[in-house]
Amino acid sequence: MSLAAISGNNDENTVSFVTLNQVGGFLQRMDLARKYAFGKMLVIGSEPPFKVKGLWLFHGQEIPQFVLDECYDMELYEWKKVDITDEEQKERVSQMIEDYEPFEGQPLLDAKCFK
């Protein structure tokens, strides 16, 4: 299993409902990975620009190639492998899964789970 944290281009997230729709659309397009992934997406902040961050768990050591090929949204996010032996990263993963608030010092606008 591989665990990846993502963050979006947050400077463009200036309208709350547009940001929420973009995250919802990304989750719909990720439906093709339903058997291979678990994900959590957070929209963070009460004022624009809103931050979009996520946590994804995939079967195997890498993101499946068919997901990279079929879901064009993947390139809009910065993907980083999570090292759960690092206590700081492990704590951040726990906070994301639990919808911990405040997250990174800001309130959550929304949290969506992909399973």
PDB file of N, CA and C in Angstrom:
ATOM      1  N   MET A   1       0.832  -1.183   0.000  1.00  0.00           N
ATOM      2  CA  MET A   1       0.000   0.000   0.000  1.00  0.00           C
ATOM      3  C   MET A   1       0.877   1.247   0.000  1.00  0.00           C
ATOM      4  N   SER A   2       0.450   2.240  -0.745  1.00  0.00           N
ATOM      5  CA  SER A   2       1.155   3.521  -0.716  1.00  0.00           C
ATOM      6  C   SER A   2       0.187   4.599  -0.260  1.00  0.00           C
ATOM      7  N   LEU A   3       0.703   5.551   0.484  1.00  0.00           N
ATOM      8  CA  LEU A   3      -0.076   6.632   1.026  1.00  0.00           C
ATOM      9  C   LEU A   3       0.459   7.920   0.436  1.00  0.00           C
ATOM     10  N   ALA A   4      -0.426   8.742  -0.139  1.00  0.00           N
ATOM     11  CA  ALA A   4       0.012   9.979  -0.773  1.00  0.00           C
ATOM     12  C   ALA A   4      -0.818  11.147  -0.273  1.00  0.00           C
ATOM     13  N   ALA A   5      -0.157  12.239   0.029  1.00  0.00           N
ATOM     14  CA  ALA A   5      -0.832  13.471   0.402  1.00  0.00           C
ATOM     15  C   ALA A   5      -0.799  14.400  -0.803  1.00  0.00           C
ATOM     16  N   ILE A   6      -1.887  15.135  -0.988  1.00  0.00           N
ATOM     17  CA  ILE A   6      -1.939  16.044  -2.131  1.00  0.00           C
ATOM     18  C   ILE A   6      -2.324  17.445  -1.668  1.00  0.00           C
ATOM     19  N   SER A   7      -1.945  18.413  -2.454  1.00  0.00           N
ATOM     20  CA  SER A   7      -2.414  19.773  -2.251  1.00  0.00           C
ATOM     21  C   SER A   7      -2.629  20.406  -3.615  1.00  0.00           C
ATOM     22  N   GLY A   8      -3.625  21.262  -3.690  1.00  0.00           N
ATOM     23  CA  GLY A   8      -3.972  21.886  -4.959  1.00  0.00           C
ATOM     24  C   GLY A   8      -3.348  23.257  -5.102  1.00  0.00           C
ATOM     25  N   ASN A   9      -3.598  23.868  -6.254  1.00  0.00           N
ATOM     26  CA  ASN A   9      -3.165  25.234  -6.504  1.00  0.00           C
ATOM     27  C   ASN A   9      -4.141  26.156  -5.786  1.00  0.00           C
ATOM     28  N   ASN A  10      -3.843  26.471  -4.552  1.00  0.00           N
ATOM     29  CA  ASN A  10      -4.804  27.138  -3.688  1.00  0.00           C
ATOM     30  C   ASN A  10      -5.062  28.595  -4.044  1.00  0.00           C
ATOM     31  N   ASP A  11      -4.189  29.249  -4.802  1.00  0.00           N
ATOM     32  CA  ASP A  11      -4.402  30.652  -5.158  1.00  0.00           C
ATOM     33  C   ASP A  11      -5.637  30.840  -6.032  1.00  0.00           C
ATOM     34  N   GLU A  12      -6.043  29.799  -6.747  1.00  0.00           N
ATOM     35  CA  GLU A  12      -7.189  29.900  -7.642  1.00  0.00           C
ATOM     36  C   GLU A  12      -8.516  29.623  -6.940  1.00  0.00           C
ATOM     37  N   ASN A  13      -8.482  29.181  -5.701  1.00  0.00           N
ATOM     38  CA  ASN A  13      -9.696  28.776  -4.988  1.00  0.00           C
ATOM     39  C   ASN A  13     -10.290  29.962  -4.234  1.00  0.00           C
ATOM     40  N   THR A  14     -10.898  30.875  -4.983  1.00  0.00           N
ATOM     41  CA  THR A  14     -11.393  32.117  -4.384  1.00  0.00           C
ATOM     42  C   THR A  14     -12.891  32.138  -4.135  1.00  0.00           C
ATOM     43  N   VAL A  15     -13.632  31.177  -4.697  1.00  0.00           N
ATOM     44  CA  VAL A  15     -15.081  31.113  -4.500  1.00  0.00           C
ATOM     45  C   VAL A  15     -15.403  29.754  -3.883  1.00  0.00           C
ATOM     46  N   SER A  16     -16.066  29.778  -2.728  1.00  0.00           N
ATOM     47  CA  SER A  16     -16.269  28.535  -1.971  1.00  0.00           C
ATOM     48  C   SER A  16     -17.011  27.467  -2.767  1.00  0.00           C
ATOM     49  N   PHE A  17     -18.161  27.800  -3.384  1.00  0.00           N
ATOM     50  CA  PHE A  17     -18.937  26.763  -4.063  1.00  0.00           C
ATOM     51  C   PHE A  17     -18.208  26.224  -5.298  1.00  0.00           C
ATOM     52  N   VAL A  18     -17.401  27.058  -5.962  1.00  0.00           N
ATOM     53  CA  VAL A  18     -16.622  26.592  -7.112  1.00  0.00           C
ATOM     54  C   VAL A  18     -15.550  25.612  -6.636  1.00  0.00           C
ATOM     55  N   THR A  19     -14.880  25.937  -5.541  1.00  0.00           N
ATOM     56  CA  THR A  19     -13.867  25.055  -4.978  1.00  0.00           C
ATOM     57  C   THR A  19     -14.483  23.722  -4.569  1.00  0.00           C
ATOM     58  N   LEU A  20     -15.635  23.771  -3.901  1.00  0.00           N
ATOM     59  CA  LEU A  20     -16.322  22.544  -3.489  1.00  0.00           C
ATOM     60  C   LEU A  20     -16.746  21.710  -4.702  1.00  0.00           C
ATOM     61  N   ASN A  21     -17.209  22.370  -5.763  1.00  0.00           N
ATOM     62  CA  ASN A  21     -17.594  21.656  -6.985  1.00  0.00           C
ATOM     63  C   ASN A  21     -16.389  21.008  -7.656  1.00  0.00           C
ATOM     64  N   GLN A  22     -15.250  21.683  -7.638  1.00  0.00           N
ATOM     65  CA  GLN A  22     -14.039  21.110  -8.229  1.00  0.00           C
ATOM     66  C   GLN A  22     -13.617  19.849  -7.477  1.00  0.00           C
ATOM     67  N   VAL A  23     -13.679  19.875  -6.172  1.00  0.00           N
ATOM     68  CA  VAL A  23     -13.332  18.699  -5.369  1.00  0.00           C
ATOM     69  C   VAL A  23     -14.338  17.579  -5.629  1.00  0.00           C
ATOM     70  N   GLY A  24     -15.627  17.918  -5.685  1.00  0.00           N
ATOM     71  CA  GLY A  24     -16.648  16.919  -5.974  1.00  0.00           C
ATOM     72  C   GLY A  24     -16.464  16.282  -7.341  1.00  0.00           C
ATOM     73  N   GLY A  25     -16.115  17.081  -8.336  1.00  0.00           N
ATOM     74  CA  GLY A  25     -15.861  16.558  -9.676  1.00  0.00           C
ATOM     75  C   GLY A  25     -14.644  15.652  -9.706  1.00  0.00           C
ATOM     76  N   PHE A  26     -13.592  16.034  -8.981  1.00  0.00           N
ATOM     77  CA  PHE A  26     -12.402  15.194  -8.895  1.00  0.00           C
ATOM     78  C   PHE A  26     -12.760  13.834  -8.301  1.00  0.00           C
ATOM     79  N   LEU A  27     -13.545  13.829  -7.246  1.00  0.00           N
ATOM     80  CA  LEU A  27     -13.944  12.562  -6.622  1.00  0.00           C
ATOM     81  C   LEU A  27     -14.791  11.718  -7.577  1.00  0.00           C
ATOM     82  N   GLN A  28     -15.647  12.343  -8.361  1.00  0.00           N
ATOM     83  CA  GLN A  28     -16.439  11.597  -9.353  1.00  0.00           C
ATOM     84  C   GLN A  28     -15.531  10.961 -10.398  1.00  0.00           C
ATOM     85  N   ARG A  29     -14.546  11.701 -10.875  1.00  0.00           N
ATOM     86  CA  ARG A  29     -13.639  11.156 -11.884  1.00  0.00           C
ATOM     87  C   ARG A  29     -12.735  10.065 -11.304  1.00  0.00           C
ATOM     88  N   MET A  30     -12.488  10.105 -10.008  1.00  0.00           N
ATOM     89  CA  MET A  30     -11.685   9.066  -9.357  1.00  0.00           C
ATOM     90  C   MET A  30     -12.483   7.780  -9.140  1.00  0.00           C
ATOM     91  N   ASP A  31     -13.763   7.784  -9.482  1.00  0.00           N
ATOM     92  CA  ASP A  31     -14.601   6.604  -9.285  1.00  0.00           C
ATOM     93  C   ASP A  31     -14.015   5.357  -9.943  1.00  0.00           C
ATOM     94  N   LEU A  32     -13.267   5.528 -11.022  1.00  0.00           N
ATOM     95  CA  LEU A  32     -12.658   4.385 -11.696  1.00  0.00           C
ATOM     96  C   LEU A  32     -11.640   3.674 -10.803  1.00  0.00           C
ATOM     97  N   ALA A  33     -11.196   4.328  -9.729  1.00  0.00           N
ATOM     98  CA  ALA A  33     -10.212   3.735  -8.816  1.00  0.00           C
ATOM     99  C   ALA A  33     -10.854   3.199  -7.538  1.00  0.00           C
ATOM    100  N   ARG A  34     -12.163   3.083  -7.540  1.00  0.00           N
ATOM    101  CA  ARG A  34     -12.881   2.701  -6.315  1.00  0.00           C
ATOM    102  C   ARG A  34     -12.364   1.410  -5.688  1.00  0.00           C
ATOM    103  N   LYS A  35     -11.993   0.427  -6.482  1.00  0.00           N
ATOM    104  CA  LYS A  35     -11.506  -0.850  -5.952  1.00  0.00           C
ATOM    105  C   LYS A  35     -10.042  -0.773  -5.521  1.00  0.00           C
ATOM    106  N   TYR A  36      -9.374   0.315  -5.835  1.00  0.00           N
ATOM    107  CA  TYR A  36      -7.935   0.410  -5.615  1.00  0.00           C
ATOM    108  C   TYR A  36      -7.518   1.522  -4.655  1.00  0.00           C
ATOM    109  N   ALA A  37      -8.489   2.329  -4.182  1.00  0.00           N
ATOM    110  CA  ALA A  37      -8.089   3.512  -3.425  1.00  0.00           C
ATOM    111  C   ALA A  37      -9.090   3.881  -2.339  1.00  0.00           C
ATOM    112  N   PHE A  38      -8.585   4.565  -1.349  1.00  0.00           N
ATOM    113  CA  PHE A  38      -9.367   5.236  -0.310  1.00  0.00           C
ATOM    114  C   PHE A  38      -8.845   6.657  -0.260  1.00  0.00           C
ATOM    115  N   GLY A  39      -9.733   7.634  -0.178  1.00  0.00           N
ATOM    116  CA  GLY A  39      -9.268   9.019  -0.172  1.00  0.00           C
ATOM    117  C   GLY A  39     -10.053   9.904   0.765  1.00  0.00           C
ATOM    118  N   LYS A  40      -9.413  10.958   1.176  1.00  0.00           N
ATOM    119  CA  LYS A  40     -10.044  11.979   2.008  1.00  0.00           C
ATOM    120  C   LYS A  40      -9.633  13.328   1.448  1.00  0.00           C
ATOM    121  N   MET A  41     -10.587  14.183   1.176  1.00  0.00           N
ATOM    122  CA  MET A  41     -10.307  15.512   0.635  1.00  0.00           C
ATOM    123  C   MET A  41     -10.848  16.566   1.600  1.00  0.00           C
ATOM    124  N   LEU A  42     -10.024  17.550   1.913  1.00  0.00           N
ATOM    125  CA  LEU A  42     -10.402  18.637   2.805  1.00  0.00           C
ATOM    126  C   LEU A  42     -10.371  19.957   2.059  1.00  0.00           C
ATOM    127  N   VAL A  43     -11.366  20.780   2.301  1.00  0.00           N
ATOM    128  CA  VAL A  43     -11.356  22.166   1.842  1.00  0.00           C
ATOM    129  C   VAL A  43     -11.231  22.990   3.116  1.00  0.00           C
ATOM    130  N   ILE A  44     -10.165  23.762   3.198  1.00  0.00           N
ATOM    131  CA  ILE A  44      -9.772  24.406   4.441  1.00  0.00           C
ATOM    132  C   ILE A  44      -9.873  25.920   4.319  1.00  0.00           C
ATOM    133  N   GLY A  45     -10.424  26.548   5.367  1.00  0.00           N
ATOM    134  CA  GLY A  45     -10.464  28.005   5.451  1.00  0.00           C
ATOM    135  C   GLY A  45     -11.870  28.545   5.503  1.00  0.00           C
ATOM    136  N   SER A  46     -11.999  29.737   6.055  1.00  0.00           N
ATOM    137  CA  SER A  46     -13.291  30.414   6.085  1.00  0.00           C
ATOM    138  C   SER A  46     -13.305  31.611   5.148  1.00  0.00           C
ATOM    139  N   GLU A  47     -12.121  31.987   4.675  1.00  0.00           N
ATOM    140  CA  GLU A  47     -11.964  33.103   3.740  1.00  0.00           C
ATOM    141  C   GLU A  47     -11.121  32.642   2.559  1.00  0.00           C
ATOM    142  N   PRO A  48     -11.373  33.182   1.356  1.00  0.00           N
ATOM    143  CA  PRO A  48     -10.544  32.820   0.207  1.00  0.00           C
ATOM    144  C   PRO A  48      -9.134  33.375   0.344  1.00  0.00           C
ATOM    145  N   PRO A  49      -8.180  32.778  -0.288  1.00  0.00           N
ATOM    146  CA  PRO A  49      -8.298  31.551  -1.073  1.00  0.00           C
ATOM    147  C   PRO A  49      -8.386  30.322  -0.158  1.00  0.00           C
ATOM    148  N   PHE A  50      -9.216  29.366  -0.553  1.00  0.00           N
ATOM    149  CA  PHE A  50      -9.409  28.148   0.216  1.00  0.00           C
ATOM    150  C   PHE A  50      -8.320  27.141  -0.148  1.00  0.00           C
ATOM    151  N   LYS A  51      -7.875  26.383   0.841  1.00  0.00           N
ATOM    152  CA  LYS A  51      -6.860  25.356   0.593  1.00  0.00           C
ATOM    153  C   LYS A  51      -7.554  24.027   0.336  1.00  0.00           C
ATOM    154  N   VAL A  52      -7.046  23.281  -0.620  1.00  0.00           N
ATOM    155  CA  VAL A  52      -7.537  21.933  -0.894  1.00  0.00           C
ATOM    156  C   VAL A  52      -6.382  20.979  -0.610  1.00  0.00           C
ATOM    157  N   LYS A  53      -6.629  20.040   0.310  1.00  0.00           N
ATOM    158  CA  LYS A  53      -5.617  19.045   0.655  1.00  0.00           C
ATOM    159  C   LYS A  53      -6.293  17.691   0.703  1.00  0.00           C
ATOM    160  N   GLY A  54      -5.532  16.664   0.447  1.00  0.00           N
ATOM    161  CA  GLY A  54      -6.111  15.323   0.452  1.00  0.00           C
ATOM    162  C   GLY A  54      -5.125  14.282   0.913  1.00  0.00           C
ATOM    163  N   LEU A  55      -5.674  13.125   1.178  1.00  0.00           N
ATOM    164  CA  LEU A  55      -4.896  11.973   1.594  1.00  0.00           C
ATOM    165  C   LEU A  55      -5.461  10.770   0.864  1.00  0.00           C
ATOM    166  N   TRP A  56      -4.599  10.025   0.170  1.00  0.00           N
ATOM    167  CA  TRP A  56      -5.045   8.880  -0.625  1.00  0.00           C
ATOM    168  C   TRP A  56      -4.213   7.650  -0.299  1.00  0.00           C
ATOM    169  N   LEU A  57      -4.877   6.535  -0.191  1.00  0.00           N
ATOM    170  CA  LEU A  57      -4.238   5.246   0.035  1.00  0.00           C
ATOM    171  C   LEU A  57      -4.530   4.382  -1.183  1.00  0.00           C
ATOM    172  N   PHE A  58      -3.467   3.907  -1.852  1.00  0.00           N
ATOM    173  CA  PHE A  58      -3.599   3.097  -3.062  1.00  0.00           C
ATOM    174  C   PHE A  58      -3.023   1.703  -2.838  1.00  0.00           C
ATOM    175  N   HIS A  59      -3.604   0.703  -3.512  1.00  0.00           N
ATOM    176  CA  HIS A  59      -2.992  -0.627  -3.557  1.00  0.00           C
ATOM    177  C   HIS A  59      -1.660  -0.507  -4.277  1.00  0.00           C
ATOM    178  N   GLY A  60      -0.646  -1.206  -3.793  1.00  0.00           N
ATOM    179  CA  GLY A  60       0.661  -1.182  -4.443  1.00  0.00           C
ATOM    180  C   GLY A  60       1.517  -0.037  -3.950  1.00  0.00           C
ATOM    181  N   GLN A  61       2.652   0.124  -4.557  1.00  0.00           N
ATOM    182  CA  GLN A  61       3.617   1.136  -4.129  1.00  0.00           C
ATOM    183  C   GLN A  61       3.489   2.466  -4.878  1.00  0.00           C
ATOM    184  N   GLU A  62       2.728   2.482  -5.952  1.00  0.00           N
ATOM    185  CA  GLU A  62       2.574   3.700  -6.758  1.00  0.00           C
ATOM    186  C   GLU A  62       1.098   3.916  -7.078  1.00  0.00           C
ATOM    187  N   ILE A  63       0.803   5.104  -7.560  1.00  0.00           N
ATOM    188  CA  ILE A  63      -0.546   5.385  -8.048  1.00  0.00           C
ATOM    189  C   ILE A  63      -0.737   4.569  -9.320  1.00  0.00           C
ATOM    190  N   PRO A  64      -1.847   3.809  -9.431  1.00  0.00           N
ATOM    191  CA  PRO A  64      -2.045   2.987 -10.631  1.00  0.00           C
ATOM    192  C   PRO A  64      -1.995   3.825 -11.912  1.00  0.00           C
ATOM    193  N   GLN A  65      -1.328   3.304 -12.927  1.00  0.00           N
ATOM    194  CA  GLN A  65      -1.145   4.039 -14.175  1.00  0.00           C
ATOM    195  C   GLN A  65      -2.467   4.397 -14.841  1.00  0.00           C
ATOM    196  N   PHE A  66      -3.458   3.496 -14.780  1.00  0.00           N
ATOM    197  CA  PHE A  66      -4.738   3.806 -15.430  1.00  0.00           C
ATOM    198  C   PHE A  66      -5.417   5.007 -14.777  1.00  0.00           C
ATOM    199  N   VAL A  67      -5.174   5.234 -13.494  1.00  0.00           N
ATOM    200  CA  VAL A  67      -5.724   6.413 -12.826  1.00  0.00           C
ATOM    201  C   VAL A  67      -5.037   7.663 -13.359  1.00  0.00           C
ATOM    202  N   LEU A  68      -3.724   7.620 -13.472  1.00  0.00           N
ATOM    203  CA  LEU A  68      -2.973   8.757 -14.013  1.00  0.00           C
ATOM    204  C   LEU A  68      -3.395   9.065 -15.450  1.00  0.00           C
ATOM    205  N   ASP A  69      -3.674   8.014 -16.235  1.00  0.00           N
ATOM    206  CA  ASP A  69      -4.056   8.193 -17.640  1.00  0.00           C
ATOM    207  C   ASP A  69      -5.471   8.732 -17.805  1.00  0.00           C
ATOM    208  N   GLU A  70      -6.384   8.292 -16.957  1.00  0.00           N
ATOM    209  CA  GLU A  70      -7.806   8.586 -17.160  1.00  0.00           C
ATOM    210  C   GLU A  70      -8.331   9.798 -16.392  1.00  0.00           C
ATOM    211  N   CYS A  71      -7.723  10.131 -15.288  1.00  0.00           N
ATOM    212  CA  CYS A  71      -8.231  11.227 -14.460  1.00  0.00           C
ATOM    213  C   CYS A  71      -7.342  12.454 -14.656  1.00  0.00           C
ATOM    214  N   TYR A  72      -7.775  13.344 -15.547  1.00  0.00           N
ATOM    215  CA  TYR A  72      -6.949  14.494 -15.909  1.00  0.00           C
ATOM    216  C   TYR A  72      -6.693  15.427 -14.727  1.00  0.00           C
ATOM    217  N   ASP A  73      -7.518  15.380 -13.678  1.00  0.00           N
ATOM    218  CA  ASP A  73      -7.330  16.229 -12.503  1.00  0.00           C
ATOM    219  C   ASP A  73      -6.051  15.905 -11.736  1.00  0.00           C
ATOM    220  N   MET A  74      -5.524  14.716 -11.921  1.00  0.00           N
ATOM    221  CA  MET A  74      -4.360  14.287 -11.144  1.00  0.00           C
ATOM    222  C   MET A  74      -3.208  15.281 -11.265  1.00  0.00           C
ATOM    223  N   GLU A  75      -3.009  15.839 -12.448  1.00  0.00           N
ATOM    224  CA  GLU A  75      -1.883  16.748 -12.660  1.00  0.00           C
ATOM    225  C   GLU A  75      -2.108  18.118 -12.017  1.00  0.00           C
ATOM    226  N   LEU A  76      -3.320  18.399 -11.562  1.00  0.00           N
ATOM    227  CA  LEU A  76      -3.596  19.679 -10.919  1.00  0.00           C
ATOM    228  C   LEU A  76      -3.155  19.695  -9.459  1.00  0.00           C
ATOM    229  N   TYR A  77      -2.805  18.539  -8.943  1.00  0.00           N
ATOM    230  CA  TYR A  77      -2.404  18.415  -7.546  1.00  0.00           C
ATOM    231  C   TYR A  77      -0.935  18.033  -7.443  1.00  0.00           C
ATOM    232  N   GLU A  78      -0.324  18.446  -6.357  1.00  0.00           N
ATOM    233  CA  GLU A  78       1.042  18.038  -6.044  1.00  0.00           C
ATOM    234  C   GLU A  78       0.943  16.802  -5.158  1.00  0.00           C
ATOM    235  N   TRP A  79       1.503  15.692  -5.612  1.00  0.00           N
ATOM    236  CA  TRP A  79       1.430  14.414  -4.908  1.00  0.00           C
ATOM    237  C   TRP A  79       2.752  14.134  -4.208  1.00  0.00           C
ATOM    238  N   LYS A  80       2.678  13.762  -2.939  1.00  0.00           N
ATOM    239  CA  LYS A  80       3.866  13.409  -2.170  1.00  0.00           C
ATOM    240  C   LYS A  80       3.589  12.130  -1.393  1.00  0.00           C
ATOM    241  N   LYS A  81       4.546  11.221  -1.410  1.00  0.00           N
ATOM    242  CA  LYS A  81       4.423   9.992  -0.651  1.00  0.00           C
ATOM    243  C   LYS A  81       4.559  10.314   0.839  1.00  0.00           C
ATOM    244  N   VAL A  82       3.723   9.705   1.657  1.00  0.00           N
ATOM    245  CA  VAL A  82       3.739   9.936   3.093  1.00  0.00           C
ATOM    246  C   VAL A  82       4.620   8.888   3.769  1.00  0.00           C
ATOM    247  N   ASP A  83       5.432   9.336   4.683  1.00  0.00           N
ATOM    248  CA  ASP A  83       6.280   8.449   5.479  1.00  0.00           C
ATOM    249  C   ASP A  83       5.676   8.364   6.880  1.00  0.00           C
ATOM    250  N   ILE A  84       4.941   7.276   7.162  1.00  0.00           N
ATOM    251  CA  ILE A  84       4.263   7.189   8.455  1.00  0.00           C
ATOM    252  C   ILE A  84       5.212   6.847   9.603  1.00  0.00           C
ATOM    253  N   THR A  85       6.498   6.640   9.314  1.00  0.00           N
ATOM    254  CA  THR A  85       7.453   6.496  10.406  1.00  0.00           C
ATOM    255  C   THR A  85       7.849   7.868  10.950  1.00  0.00           C
ATOM    256  N   ASP A  86       7.558   8.926  10.206  1.00  0.00           N
ATOM    257  CA  ASP A  86       7.780  10.301  10.653  1.00  0.00           C
ATOM    258  C   ASP A  86       6.570  10.704  11.509  1.00  0.00           C
ATOM    259  N   GLU A  87       6.800  10.991  12.783  1.00  0.00           N
ATOM    260  CA  GLU A  87       5.700  11.281  13.714  1.00  0.00           C
ATOM    261  C   GLU A  87       4.848  12.478  13.283  1.00  0.00           C
ATOM    262  N   GLU A  88       5.476  13.502  12.725  1.00  0.00           N
ATOM    263  CA  GLU A  88       4.737  14.689  12.283  1.00  0.00           C
ATOM    264  C   GLU A  88       3.785  14.342  11.139  1.00  0.00           C
ATOM    265  N   GLN A  89       4.259  13.566  10.168  1.00  0.00           N
ATOM    266  CA  GLN A  89       3.413  13.159   9.052  1.00  0.00           C
ATOM    267  C   GLN A  89       2.314  12.205   9.525  1.00  0.00           C
ATOM    268  N   LYS A  90       2.652  11.333  10.443  1.00  0.00           N
ATOM    269  CA  LYS A  90       1.671  10.388  10.993  1.00  0.00           C
ATOM    270  C   LYS A  90       0.536  11.136  11.703  1.00  0.00           C
ATOM    271  N   GLU A  91       0.881  12.163  12.466  1.00  0.00           N
ATOM    272  CA  GLU A  91      -0.123  12.965  13.166  1.00  0.00           C
ATOM    273  C   GLU A  91      -1.011  13.712  12.166  1.00  0.00           C
ATOM    274  N   ARG A  92      -0.416  14.245  11.121  1.00  0.00           N
ATOM    275  CA  ARG A  92      -1.171  14.964  10.087  1.00  0.00           C
ATOM    276  C   ARG A  92      -2.156  14.018   9.389  1.00  0.00           C
ATOM    277  N   VAL A  93      -1.718  12.787   9.093  1.00  0.00           N
ATOM    278  CA  VAL A  93      -2.601  11.787   8.489  1.00  0.00           C
ATOM    279  C   VAL A  93      -3.793  11.523   9.404  1.00  0.00           C
ATOM    280  N   SER A  94      -3.542  11.338  10.692  1.00  0.00           N
ATOM    281  CA  SER A  94      -4.626  11.101  11.656  1.00  0.00           C
ATOM    282  C   SER A  94      -5.604  12.263  11.679  1.00  0.00           C
ATOM    283  N   GLN A  95      -5.087  13.483  11.675  1.00  0.00           N
ATOM    284  CA  GLN A  95      -5.955  14.657  11.689  1.00  0.00           C
ATOM    285  C   GLN A  95      -6.818  14.733  10.437  1.00  0.00           C
ATOM    286  N   MET A  96      -6.261  14.370   9.286  1.00  0.00           N
ATOM    287  CA  MET A  96      -7.026  14.419   8.038  1.00  0.00           C
ATOM    288  C   MET A  96      -8.141  13.379   8.049  1.00  0.00           C
ATOM    289  N   ILE A  97      -7.836  12.189   8.498  1.00  0.00           N
ATOM    290  CA  ILE A  97      -8.842  11.128   8.518  1.00  0.00           C
ATOM    291  C   ILE A  97      -9.972  11.458   9.486  1.00  0.00           C
ATOM    292  N   GLU A  98      -9.637  12.091  10.609  1.00  0.00           N
ATOM    293  CA  GLU A  98     -10.616  12.384  11.652  1.00  0.00           C
ATOM    294  C   GLU A  98     -11.335  13.719  11.460  1.00  0.00           C
ATOM    295  N   ASP A  99     -11.056  14.445  10.383  1.00  0.00           N
ATOM    296  CA  ASP A  99     -11.626  15.784  10.173  1.00  0.00           C
ATOM    297  C   ASP A  99     -11.312  16.702  11.348  1.00  0.00           C
ATOM    298  N   TYR A 100     -10.091  16.613  11.852  1.00  0.00           N
ATOM    299  CA  TYR A 100      -9.668  17.400  13.001  1.00  0.00           C
ATOM    300  C   TYR A 100      -9.761  18.885  12.662  1.00  0.00           C
ATOM    301  N   GLU A 101     -10.336  19.632  13.606  1.00  0.00           N
ATOM    302  CA  GLU A 101     -10.493  21.061  13.374  1.00  0.00           C
ATOM    303  C   GLU A 101     -10.037  21.827  14.606  1.00  0.00           C
ATOM    304  N   PRO A 102      -9.277  22.876  14.496  1.00  0.00           N
ATOM    305  CA  PRO A 102      -8.814  23.465  13.251  1.00  0.00           C
ATOM    306  C   PRO A 102      -7.691  22.633  12.628  1.00  0.00           C
ATOM    307  N   PHE A 103      -7.659  22.586  11.312  1.00  0.00           N
ATOM    308  CA  PHE A 103      -6.618  21.874  10.587  1.00  0.00           C
ATOM    309  C   PHE A 103      -5.633  22.906  10.077  1.00  0.00           C
ATOM    310  N   GLU A 104      -4.385  22.749  10.461  1.00  0.00           N
ATOM    311  CA  GLU A 104      -3.333  23.714  10.125  1.00  0.00           C
ATOM    312  C   GLU A 104      -3.736  25.126  10.541  1.00  0.00           C
ATOM    313  N   GLY A 105      -4.442  25.220  11.673  1.00  0.00           N
ATOM    314  CA  GLY A 105      -4.822  26.512  12.237  1.00  0.00           C
ATOM    315  C   GLY A 105      -6.044  27.160  11.616  1.00  0.00           C
ATOM    316  N   GLN A 106      -6.722  26.459  10.685  1.00  0.00           N
ATOM    317  CA  GLN A 106      -7.891  27.044  10.026  1.00  0.00           C
ATOM    318  C   GLN A 106      -9.086  26.105  10.118  1.00  0.00           C
ATOM    319  N   PRO A 107     -10.303  26.666  10.064  1.00  0.00           N
ATOM    320  CA  PRO A 107     -11.494  25.812  10.095  1.00  0.00           C
ATOM    321  C   PRO A 107     -11.665  25.047   8.793  1.00  0.00           C
ATOM    322  N   LEU A 108     -12.385  23.931   8.875  1.00  0.00           N
ATOM    323  CA  LEU A 108     -12.706  23.154   7.673  1.00  0.00           C
ATOM    324  C   LEU A 108     -13.968  23.705   7.046  1.00  0.00           C
ATOM    325  N   LEU A 109     -13.913  23.963   5.751  1.00  0.00           N
ATOM    326  CA  LEU A 109     -15.116  24.340   5.009  1.00  0.00           C
ATOM    327  C   LEU A 109     -15.895  23.080   4.673  1.00  0.00           C
ATOM    328  N   ASP A 110     -15.177  22.008   4.319  1.00  0.00           N
ATOM    329  CA  ASP A 110     -15.821  20.735   3.990  1.00  0.00           C
ATOM    330  C   ASP A 110     -14.779  19.602   4.020  1.00  0.00           C
ATOM    331  N   ALA A 111     -15.263  18.406   4.237  1.00  0.00           N
ATOM    332  CA  ALA A 111     -14.426  17.209   4.181  1.00  0.00           C
ATOM    333  C   ALA A 111     -15.221  16.125   3.462  1.00  0.00           C
ATOM    334  N   LYS A 112     -14.597  15.491   2.483  1.00  0.00           N
ATOM    335  CA  LYS A 112     -15.261  14.451   1.717  1.00  0.00           C
ATOM    336  C   LYS A 112     -14.409  13.183   1.757  1.00  0.00           C
ATOM    337  N   CYS A 113     -15.112  12.057   1.869  1.00  0.00           N
ATOM    338  CA  CYS A 113     -14.436  10.759   1.935  1.00  0.00           C
ATOM    339  C   CYS A 113     -14.741   9.967   0.673  1.00  0.00           C
ATOM    340  N   PHE A 114     -13.717   9.345   0.112  1.00  0.00           N
ATOM    341  CA  PHE A 114     -13.841   8.504  -1.081  1.00  0.00           C
ATOM    342  C   PHE A 114     -13.525   7.086  -0.641  1.00  0.00           C
ATOM    343  N   LYS A 115     -14.523   6.208  -0.772  1.00  0.00           N
ATOM    344  CA  LYS A 115     -14.289   4.811  -0.389  1.00  0.00           C
ATOM    345  C   LYS A 115     -15.041   3.871  -1.287  1.00  0.00           C
TER     346      LYS A 115
END
